[in-house]
PDB file of N, CA and C in Angstrom:
ATOM      1  N   UNK A   1       0.869  -1.065   0.018  1.00  0.00           N
ATOM      2  CA  UNK A   1       0.047  -0.056   0.048  1.00  0.00           C
ATOM      3  C   UNK A   1       0.681   1.252  -0.228  1.00  0.00           C
ATOM      4  N   UNK A   2       0.499   2.245  -0.773  1.00  0.00           N
ATOM      5  CA  UNK A   2       1.327   3.244  -0.978  1.00  0.00           C
ATOM      6  C   UNK A   2       1.224   4.270   0.302  1.00  0.00           C
ATOM      7  N   UNK A   3       2.401   5.053   0.380  1.00  0.00           N
ATOM      8  CA  UNK A   3       2.364   5.720   1.749  1.00  0.00           C
ATOM      9  C   UNK A   3       1.418   6.931   1.703  1.00  0.00           C
ATOM     10  N   UNK A   4       0.863   7.372   0.846  1.00  0.00           N
ATOM     11  CA  UNK A   4      -0.324   8.269   0.820  1.00  0.00           C
ATOM     12  C   UNK A   4      -1.449   7.892   1.148  1.00  0.00           C
ATOM     13  N   UNK A   5      -1.776   6.393   0.996  1.00  0.00           N
ATOM     14  CA  UNK A   5      -3.024   5.927   1.616  1.00  0.00           C
ATOM     15  C   UNK A   5      -2.979   5.570   2.827  1.00  0.00           C
ATOM     16  N   UNK A   6      -1.830   5.192   3.444  1.00  0.00           N
ATOM     17  CA  UNK A   6      -1.632   4.886   4.731  1.00  0.00           C
ATOM     18  C   UNK A   6      -1.543   6.263   5.561  1.00  0.00           C
ATOM     19  N   UNK A   7      -1.117   7.431   4.964  1.00  0.00           N
ATOM     20  CA  UNK A   7      -1.151   8.482   5.581  1.00  0.00           C
ATOM     21  C   UNK A   7      -2.518   9.112   5.753  1.00  0.00           C
ATOM     22  N   UNK A   8      -3.406   8.991   4.722  1.00  0.00           N
ATOM     23  CA  UNK A   8      -4.845   9.160   4.743  1.00  0.00           C
ATOM     24  C   UNK A   8      -5.767   8.504   5.755  1.00  0.00           C
ATOM     25  N   UNK A   9      -5.107   7.147   5.907  1.00  0.00           N
ATOM     26  CA  UNK A   9      -5.922   6.297   6.880  1.00  0.00           C
ATOM     27  C   UNK A   9      -5.678   6.640   8.250  1.00  0.00           C
ATOM     28  N   UNK A  10      -4.336   6.933   8.437  1.00  0.00           N
ATOM     29  CA  UNK A  10      -3.957   7.272   9.814  1.00  0.00           C
ATOM     30  C   UNK A  10      -4.580   8.882  10.189  1.00  0.00           C
ATOM     31  N   UNK A  11      -4.591   9.656   9.286  1.00  0.00           N
ATOM     32  CA  UNK A  11      -5.288  11.042   9.597  1.00  0.00           C
ATOM     33  C   UNK A  11      -6.698  10.761   9.918  1.00  0.00           C
ATOM     34  N   UNK A  12      -7.488   9.907   9.205  1.00  0.00           N
ATOM     35  CA  UNK A  12      -8.957   9.914   9.063  1.00  0.00           C
ATOM     36  C   UNK A  12      -9.221   9.191  10.682  1.00  0.00           C
ATOM     37  N   UNK A  13      -8.329   7.961  11.078  1.00  0.00           N
ATOM     38  CA  UNK A  13      -8.567   7.374  12.111  1.00  0.00           C
ATOM     39  C   UNK A  13      -8.399   8.190  13.327  1.00  0.00           C
ATOM     40  N   UNK A  14      -7.310   8.963  13.367  1.00  0.00           N
ATOM     41  CA  UNK A  14      -6.926  10.099  14.466  1.00  0.00           C
ATOM     42  C   UNK A  14      -7.935  10.896  14.399  1.00  0.00           C
ATOM     43  N   UNK A  15      -8.481  11.611  13.318  1.00  0.00           N
ATOM     44  CA  UNK A  15      -9.712  12.388  13.324  1.00  0.00           C
ATOM     45  C   UNK A  15     -10.892  11.721  14.211  1.00  0.00           C
ATOM     46  N   UNK A  16     -11.223  10.537  13.680  1.00  0.00           N
ATOM     47  CA  UNK A  16     -12.246   9.896  14.203  1.00  0.00           C
ATOM     48  C   UNK A  16     -12.173   9.649  15.877  1.00  0.00           C
ATOM     49  N   UNK A  17     -10.941   9.223  16.111  1.00  0.00           N
ATOM     50  CA  UNK A  17     -10.476   8.993  17.699  1.00  0.00           C
ATOM     51  C   UNK A  17     -10.875  10.200  18.365  1.00  0.00           C
ATOM     52  N   UNK A  18     -10.308  11.212  17.993  1.00  0.00           N
ATOM     53  CA  UNK A  18     -10.516  12.684  18.675  1.00  0.00           C
ATOM     54  C   UNK A  18     -12.036  13.057  18.793  1.00  0.00           C
ATOM     55  N   UNK A  19     -12.553  12.896  17.713  1.00  0.00           N
ATOM     56  CA  UNK A  19     -14.218  13.258  17.818  1.00  0.00           C
ATOM     57  C   UNK A  19     -14.801  12.190  18.706  1.00  0.00           C
ATOM     58  N   UNK A  20     -14.537  11.051  18.901  1.00  0.00           N
ATOM     59  CA  UNK A  20     -15.105  10.177  19.801  1.00  0.00           C
ATOM     60  C   UNK A  20     -14.680  10.172  21.135  1.00  0.00           C
ATOM     61  N   UNK A  21     -13.337  10.692  21.238  1.00  0.00           N
ATOM     62  CA  UNK A  21     -13.067  11.081  22.672  1.00  0.00           C
ATOM     63  C   UNK A  21     -13.879  12.256  23.066  1.00  0.00           C
ATOM     64  N   UNK A  22     -13.935  13.261  22.446  1.00  0.00           N
ATOM     65  CA  UNK A  22     -14.601  14.549  22.577  1.00  0.00           C
ATOM     66  C   UNK A  22     -16.014  14.197  23.138  1.00  0.00           C
ATOM     67  N   UNK A  23     -16.634  13.399  22.213  1.00  0.00           N
ATOM     68  CA  UNK A  23     -18.134  13.079  22.516  1.00  0.00           C
ATOM     69  C   UNK A  23     -18.357  12.346  23.815  1.00  0.00           C
ATOM     70  N   UNK A  24     -17.389  11.291  23.853  1.00  0.00           N
ATOM     71  CA  UNK A  24     -17.701  10.245  24.851  1.00  0.00           C
ATOM     72  C   UNK A  24     -17.285  10.848  26.297  1.00  0.00           C
ATOM     73  N   UNK A  25     -16.298  11.544  26.288  1.00  0.00           N
ATOM     74  CA  UNK A  25     -15.902  12.139  27.672  1.00  0.00           C
ATOM     75  C   UNK A  25     -16.365  13.559  28.020  1.00  0.00           C
ATOM     76  N   UNK A  26     -16.598  14.430  26.968  1.00  0.00           N
ATOM     77  CA  UNK A  26     -16.737  15.872  27.517  1.00  0.00           C
ATOM     78  C   UNK A  26     -18.134  16.102  26.817  1.00  0.00           C
ATOM     79  N   UNK A  27     -18.843  15.487  26.115  1.00  0.00           N
ATOM     80  CA  UNK A  27     -20.243  15.911  25.661  1.00  0.00           C
ATOM     81  C   UNK A  27     -21.276  14.913  26.730  1.00  0.00           C
ATOM     82  N   UNK A  28     -21.054  13.781  26.478  1.00  0.00           N
ATOM     83  CA  UNK A  28     -21.857  12.715  27.189  1.00  0.00           C
ATOM     84  C   UNK A  28     -21.393  12.370  28.620  1.00  0.00           C
ATOM     85  N   UNK A  29     -20.213  12.788  28.899  1.00  0.00           N
ATOM     86  CA  UNK A  29     -19.778  12.467  30.304  1.00  0.00           C
ATOM     87  C   UNK A  29     -19.920  10.959  30.671  1.00  0.00           C
ATOM     88  N   UNK A  30     -19.265  10.153  29.974  1.00  0.00           N
ATOM     89  CA  UNK A  30     -19.336   8.734  30.131  1.00  0.00           C
ATOM     90  C   UNK A  30     -18.254   8.289  30.860  1.00  0.00           C
ATOM     91  N   UNK A  31     -18.131   7.203  31.587  1.00  0.00           N
ATOM     92  CA  UNK A  31     -16.900   6.544  31.928  1.00  0.00           C
ATOM     93  C   UNK A  31     -16.177   6.070  30.867  1.00  0.00           C
ATOM     94  N   UNK A  32     -14.907   5.630  31.026  1.00  0.00           N
ATOM     95  CA  UNK A  32     -14.078   4.997  30.192  1.00  0.00           C
ATOM     96  C   UNK A  32     -14.749   3.621  29.531  1.00  0.00           C
ATOM     97  N   UNK A  33     -15.325   2.949  30.486  1.00  0.00           N
ATOM     98  CA  UNK A  33     -15.858   1.587  30.293  1.00  0.00           C
ATOM     99  C   UNK A  33     -17.356   1.782  30.353  1.00  0.00           C
ATOM    100  N   UNK A  34     -18.264   1.542  29.555  1.00  0.00           N
ATOM    101  CA  UNK A  34     -19.701   1.726  29.632  1.00  0.00           C
ATOM    102  C   UNK A  34     -20.187   0.535  29.272  1.00  0.00           C
ATOM    103  N   UNK A  35     -20.746  -0.316  30.026  1.00  0.00           N
ATOM    104  CA  UNK A  35     -21.283  -1.799  29.837  1.00  0.00           C
ATOM    105  C   UNK A  35     -22.335  -1.612  28.730  1.00  0.00           C
ATOM    106  N   UNK A  36     -23.233  -0.551  28.689  1.00  0.00           N
ATOM    107  CA  UNK A  36     -24.331  -0.141  27.725  1.00  0.00           C
ATOM    108  C   UNK A  36     -23.615  -0.262  26.400  1.00  0.00           C
ATOM    109  N   UNK A  37     -22.476   0.513  26.282  1.00  0.00           N
ATOM    110  CA  UNK A  37     -22.094   0.787  24.925  1.00  0.00           C
ATOM    111  C   UNK A  37     -21.418  -0.651  24.400  1.00  0.00           C
ATOM    112  N   UNK A  38     -20.605  -1.169  25.492  1.00  0.00           N
ATOM    113  CA  UNK A  38     -20.113  -2.429  25.035  1.00  0.00           C
ATOM    114  C   UNK A  38     -21.187  -3.579  24.472  1.00  0.00           C
ATOM    115  N   UNK A  39     -22.347  -3.595  25.138  1.00  0.00           N
ATOM    116  CA  UNK A  39     -23.365  -4.629  24.758  1.00  0.00           C
ATOM    117  C   UNK A  39     -23.715  -4.210  23.424  1.00  0.00           C
ATOM    118  N   UNK A  40     -23.990  -2.861  23.289  1.00  0.00           N
ATOM    119  CA  UNK A  40     -24.342  -2.460  22.048  1.00  0.00           C
ATOM    120  C   UNK A  40     -23.701  -2.580  20.688  1.00  0.00           C
ATOM    121  N   UNK A  41     -22.177  -2.331  20.965  1.00  0.00           N
ATOM    122  CA  UNK A  41     -21.321  -2.705  19.878  1.00  0.00           C
ATOM    123  C   UNK A  41     -21.250  -3.935  19.686  1.00  0.00           C
ATOM    124  N   UNK A  42     -21.400  -5.137  20.789  1.00  0.00           N
ATOM    125  CA  UNK A  42     -21.259  -6.501  20.326  1.00  0.00           C
ATOM    126  C   UNK A  42     -22.462  -6.757  19.608  1.00  0.00           C
ATOM    127  N   UNK A  43     -23.588  -6.212  19.996  1.00  0.00           N
ATOM    128  CA  UNK A  43     -24.879  -6.547  19.064  1.00  0.00           C
ATOM    129  C   UNK A  43     -24.766  -5.962  17.646  1.00  0.00           C
ATOM    130  N   UNK A  44     -24.065  -4.861  17.688  1.00  0.00           N
ATOM    131  CA  UNK A  44     -24.039  -4.451  16.281  1.00  0.00           C
ATOM    132  C   UNK A  44     -23.039  -5.058  15.347  1.00  0.00           C
ATOM    133  N   UNK A  45     -21.738  -5.566  15.979  1.00  0.00           N
ATOM    134  CA  UNK A  45     -21.078  -6.357  15.258  1.00  0.00           C
ATOM    135  C   UNK A  45     -21.549  -7.732  14.935  1.00  0.00           C
ATOM    136  N   UNK A  46     -22.396  -8.164  15.717  1.00  0.00           N
ATOM    137  CA  UNK A  46     -22.993  -9.577  15.291  1.00  0.00           C
ATOM    138  C   UNK A  46     -23.941  -9.347  14.263  1.00  0.00           C
ATOM    139  N   UNK A  47     -24.777  -8.199  14.205  1.00  0.00           N
ATOM    140  CA  UNK A  47     -25.568  -8.070  13.147  1.00  0.00           C
ATOM    141  C   UNK A  47     -24.808  -7.973  11.829  1.00  0.00           C
ATOM    142  N   UNK A  48     -23.574  -7.125  11.838  1.00  0.00           N
ATOM    143  CA  UNK A  48     -22.649  -7.114  10.830  1.00  0.00           C
ATOM    144  C   UNK A  48     -22.125  -8.438  10.284  1.00  0.00           C
ATOM    145  N   UNK A  49     -21.775  -9.289  11.176  1.00  0.00           N
ATOM    146  CA  UNK A  49     -21.315 -10.529  10.872  1.00  0.00           C
ATOM    147  C   UNK A  49     -22.471 -11.398  10.159  1.00  0.00           C
ATOM    148  N   UNK A  50     -23.715 -11.380  10.742  1.00  0.00           N
ATOM    149  CA  UNK A  50     -24.760 -11.961   9.923  1.00  0.00           C
ATOM    150  C   UNK A  50     -24.953 -11.616   8.640  1.00  0.00           C
ATOM    151  N   UNK A  51     -24.935 -10.127   8.512  1.00  0.00           N
ATOM    152  CA  UNK A  51     -25.313  -9.649   7.032  1.00  0.00           C
ATOM    153  C   UNK A  51     -24.204 -10.047   6.103  1.00  0.00           C
ATOM    154  N   UNK A  52     -22.956  -9.947   6.312  1.00  0.00           N
ATOM    155  CA  UNK A  52     -21.987 -10.562   5.591  1.00  0.00           C
ATOM    156  C   UNK A  52     -22.079 -12.121   5.426  1.00  0.00           C
ATOM    157  N   UNK A  53     -22.506 -12.828   6.421  1.00  0.00           N
ATOM    158  CA  UNK A  53     -22.633 -14.147   6.231  1.00  0.00           C
ATOM    159  C   UNK A  53     -23.648 -14.561   5.027  1.00  0.00           C
ATOM    160  N   UNK A  54     -24.765 -13.903   5.361  1.00  0.00           N
ATOM    161  CA  UNK A  54     -25.981 -13.985   4.483  1.00  0.00           C
ATOM    162  C   UNK A  54     -25.610 -13.767   3.016  1.00  0.00           C
ATOM    163  N   UNK A  55     -24.514 -12.713   2.879  1.00  0.00           N
ATOM    164  CA  UNK A  55     -24.213 -12.369   1.453  1.00  0.00           C
ATOM    165  C   UNK A  55     -22.992 -13.341   0.927  1.00  0.00           C
ATOM    166  N   UNK A  56     -22.796 -14.551   1.682  1.00  0.00           N
ATOM    167  CA  UNK A  56     -21.876 -15.451   1.390  1.00  0.00           C
ATOM    168  C   UNK A  56     -20.628 -14.803   1.375  1.00  0.00           C
ATOM    169  N   UNK A  57     -20.156 -14.052   2.404  1.00  0.00           N
ATOM    170  CA  UNK A  57     -18.787 -13.592   2.685  1.00  0.00           C
ATOM    171  C   UNK A  57     -18.340 -13.863   4.151  1.00  0.00           C
ATOM    172  N   UNK A  58     -17.298 -13.598   4.626  1.00  0.00           N
ATOM    173  CA  UNK A  58     -16.960 -13.596   5.805  1.00  0.00           C
ATOM    174  C   UNK A  58     -15.757 -12.397   6.127  1.00  0.00           C
ATOM    175  N   UNK A  59     -15.552 -12.399   7.379  1.00  0.00           N
ATOM    176  CA  UNK A  59     -14.431 -11.198   7.915  1.00  0.00           C
ATOM    177  C   UNK A  59     -13.240 -11.380   7.179  1.00  0.00           C
ATOM    178  N   UNK A  60     -12.356 -12.577   6.956  1.00  0.00           N
ATOM    179  CA  UNK A  60     -11.183 -12.616   6.645  1.00  0.00           C
ATOM    180  C   UNK A  60     -11.251 -12.336   5.098  1.00  0.00           C
ATOM    181  N   UNK A  61     -12.232 -12.900   4.336  1.00  0.00           N
ATOM    182  CA  UNK A  61     -12.399 -12.608   3.008  1.00  0.00           C
ATOM    183  C   UNK A  61     -12.508 -11.214   2.342  1.00  0.00           C
ATOM    184  N   UNK A  62     -13.307 -10.335   3.200  1.00  0.00           N
ATOM    185  CA  UNK A  62     -13.350  -9.016   2.973  1.00  0.00           C
ATOM    186  C   UNK A  62     -12.269  -8.108   3.296  1.00  0.00           C
ATOM    187  N   UNK A  63     -11.553  -8.417   4.626  1.00  0.00           N
ATOM    188  CA  UNK A  63     -10.476  -7.691   4.986  1.00  0.00           C
ATOM    189  C   UNK A  63      -9.206  -8.018   4.466  1.00  0.00           C
ATOM    190  N   UNK A  64      -8.904  -9.278   4.206  1.00  0.00           N
ATOM    191  CA  UNK A  64      -7.490  -9.631   3.815  1.00  0.00           C
ATOM    192  C   UNK A  64      -7.581 -10.249   2.517  1.00  0.00           C
ATOM    193  N   UNK A  65      -8.630 -10.554   1.626  1.00  0.00           N
ATOM    194  CA  UNK A  65      -8.596 -10.623   0.194  1.00  0.00           C
ATOM    195  C   UNK A  65      -9.115  -9.685  -0.655  1.00  0.00           C
ATOM    196  N   UNK A  66     -10.189  -9.129  -0.451  1.00  0.00           N
ATOM    197  CA  UNK A  66     -10.966  -8.158  -1.315  1.00  0.00           C
ATOM    198  C   UNK A  66     -10.234  -6.834  -1.199  1.00  0.00           C
ATOM    199  N   UNK A  67     -10.058  -6.369  -0.038  1.00  0.00           N
ATOM    200  CA  UNK A  67      -9.256  -5.056   0.145  1.00  0.00           C
ATOM    201  C   UNK A  67      -8.185  -5.072  -0.248  1.00  0.00           C
ATOM    202  N   UNK A  68      -7.455  -6.095  -0.209  1.00  0.00           N
ATOM    203  CA  UNK A  68      -6.014  -6.315  -0.765  1.00  0.00           C
ATOM    204  C   UNK A  68      -5.935  -6.159  -2.182  1.00  0.00           C
ATOM    205  N   UNK A  69      -6.913  -6.889  -2.942  1.00  0.00           N
ATOM    206  CA  UNK A  69      -7.110  -6.799  -4.271  1.00  0.00           C
ATOM    207  C   UNK A  69      -7.104  -5.215  -4.751  1.00  0.00           C
ATOM    208  N   UNK A  70      -7.917  -4.613  -4.210  1.00  0.00           N
ATOM    209  CA  UNK A  70      -8.307  -3.175  -4.634  1.00  0.00           C
ATOM    210  C   UNK A  70      -7.151  -2.344  -4.277  1.00  0.00           C
ATOM    211  N   UNK A  71      -6.327  -2.505  -2.996  1.00  0.00           N
ATOM    212  CA  UNK A  71      -5.207  -1.687  -2.703  1.00  0.00           C
ATOM    213  C   UNK A  71      -4.073  -2.473  -2.753  1.00  0.00           C
ATOM    214  N   UNK A  72      -3.792  -3.447  -3.278  1.00  0.00           N
ATOM    215  CA  UNK A  72      -2.660  -4.117  -3.251  1.00  0.00           C
ATOM    216  C   UNK A  72      -1.487  -3.562  -4.089  1.00  0.00           C
ATOM    217  N   UNK A  73      -1.633  -2.836  -5.087  1.00  0.00           N
ATOM    218  CA  UNK A  73      -0.521  -2.240  -6.099  1.00  0.00           C
ATOM    219  C   UNK A  73       0.259  -1.258  -5.001  1.00  0.00           C
ATOM    220  N   UNK A  74       1.415  -1.466  -4.698  1.00  0.00           N
ATOM    221  CA  UNK A  74       2.214  -0.420  -3.962  1.00  0.00           C
ATOM    222  C   UNK A  74       2.395   0.725  -4.485  1.00  0.00           C
ATOM    223  N   UNK A  75       2.393   1.069  -5.633  1.00  0.00           N
ATOM    224  CA  UNK A  75       2.531   2.230  -6.523  1.00  0.00           C
ATOM    225  C   UNK A  75       1.588   3.309  -6.909  1.00  0.00           C
ATOM    226  N   UNK A  76       0.401   2.638  -6.323  1.00  0.00           N
ATOM    227  CA  UNK A  76      -0.858   3.599  -6.682  1.00  0.00           C
ATOM    228  C   UNK A  76      -1.018   4.423  -5.555  1.00  0.00           C
ATOM    229  N   UNK A  77      -1.008   5.542  -5.912  1.00  0.00           N
ATOM    230  CA  UNK A  77      -1.291   6.751  -4.866  1.00  0.00           C
ATOM    231  C   UNK A  77      -2.581   6.685  -4.542  1.00  0.00           C
ATOM    232  N   UNK A  78      -2.836   7.490  -3.337  1.00  0.00           N
ATOM    233  CA  UNK A  78      -4.404   7.907  -2.836  1.00  0.00           C
ATOM    234  C   UNK A  78      -5.076   8.604  -4.205  1.00  0.00           C
ATOM    235  N   UNK A  79      -4.391   9.623  -4.658  1.00  0.00           N
ATOM    236  CA  UNK A  79      -5.028  10.406  -5.678  1.00  0.00           C
ATOM    237  C   UNK A  79      -5.450   9.607  -7.008  1.00  0.00           C
ATOM    238  N   UNK A  80      -4.323   8.554  -7.234  1.00  0.00           N
ATOM    239  CA  UNK A  80      -4.794   7.748  -8.522  1.00  0.00           C
ATOM    240  C   UNK A  80      -5.794   6.930  -8.254  1.00  0.00           C
ATOM    241  N   UNK A  81      -5.899   6.421  -6.956  1.00  0.00           N
ATOM    242  CA  UNK A  81      -7.059   5.626  -6.663  1.00  0.00           C
ATOM    243  C   UNK A  81      -8.387   6.250  -6.627  1.00  0.00           C
ATOM    244  N   UNK A  82      -8.295   7.588  -6.051  1.00  0.00           N
ATOM    245  CA  UNK A  82      -9.820   8.343  -5.981  1.00  0.00           C
ATOM    246  C   UNK A  82     -10.131   8.495  -7.480  1.00  0.00           C
ATOM    247  N   UNK A  83      -9.117   8.847  -8.326  1.00  0.00           N
ATOM    248  CA  UNK A  83      -9.522   9.110  -9.943  1.00  0.00           C
ATOM    249  C   UNK A  83     -10.119   7.931 -10.658  1.00  0.00           C
ATOM    250  N   UNK A  84      -9.526   6.935 -10.078  1.00  0.00           N
ATOM    251  CA  UNK A  84      -9.854   5.441 -10.956  1.00  0.00           C
ATOM    252  C   UNK A  84     -11.208   5.026 -10.411  1.00  0.00           C
ATOM    253  N   UNK A  85     -11.559   5.403  -8.927  1.00  0.00           N
ATOM    254  CA  UNK A  85     -12.886   5.061  -8.607  1.00  0.00           C
ATOM    255  C   UNK A  85     -14.185   6.017  -8.996  1.00  0.00           C
ATOM    256  N   UNK A  86     -13.514   7.234  -9.163  1.00  0.00           N
ATOM    257  CA  UNK A  86     -14.505   8.267  -9.574  1.00  0.00           C
ATOM    258  C   UNK A  86     -14.750   8.029 -11.082  1.00  0.00           C
ATOM    259  N   UNK A  87     -13.832   7.614 -11.836  1.00  0.00           N
ATOM    260  CA  UNK A  87     -14.049   7.054 -13.286  1.00  0.00           C
ATOM    261  C   UNK A  87     -15.159   5.779 -13.259  1.00  0.00           C
ATOM    262  N   UNK A  88     -14.808   4.826 -12.479  1.00  0.00           N
ATOM    263  CA  UNK A  88     -15.681   3.780 -12.211  1.00  0.00           C
ATOM    264  C   UNK A  88     -17.205   4.075 -12.089  1.00  0.00           C
ATOM    265  N   UNK A  89     -17.161   4.947 -11.061  1.00  0.00           N
ATOM    266  CA  UNK A  89     -18.748   5.216 -10.531  1.00  0.00           C
ATOM    267  C   UNK A  89     -19.356   6.138 -11.619  1.00  0.00           C
ATOM    268  N   UNK A  90     -18.767   7.041 -12.404  1.00  0.00           N
ATOM    269  CA  UNK A  90     -19.333   7.806 -13.259  1.00  0.00           C
ATOM    270  C   UNK A  90     -19.855   6.920 -14.546  1.00  0.00           C
ATOM    271  N   UNK A  91     -18.902   5.728 -14.902  1.00  0.00           N
ATOM    272  CA  UNK A  91     -19.534   4.909 -15.903  1.00  0.00           C
ATOM    273  C   UNK A  91     -20.600   3.922 -15.699  1.00  0.00           C
ATOM    274  N   UNK A  92     -20.907   3.772 -14.164  1.00  0.00           N
ATOM    275  CA  UNK A  92     -21.916   2.606 -13.990  1.00  0.00           C
ATOM    276  C   UNK A  92     -23.069   3.364 -13.467  1.00  0.00           C
TER     277      UNK A  92
END
């Protein structure tokens, strides 16, 4: 995976982490570990796993095969990938 893609992923993950920390601790005033949130997330993850199972997929196939095929070219930059994706969506 090209360094521009890795940088974009790190930037977006850091942004989401910061927004979640702000909302969780400063807006909602929740504790670090919230049993209600843990149960909700487990149920949500099980629904997701059920959905991908119904569509004849599994977690490993999606994250370690399909995504690798799309982003496997180490020389493709983030901008090239965005342009390729945009052309694909405009033609379909």
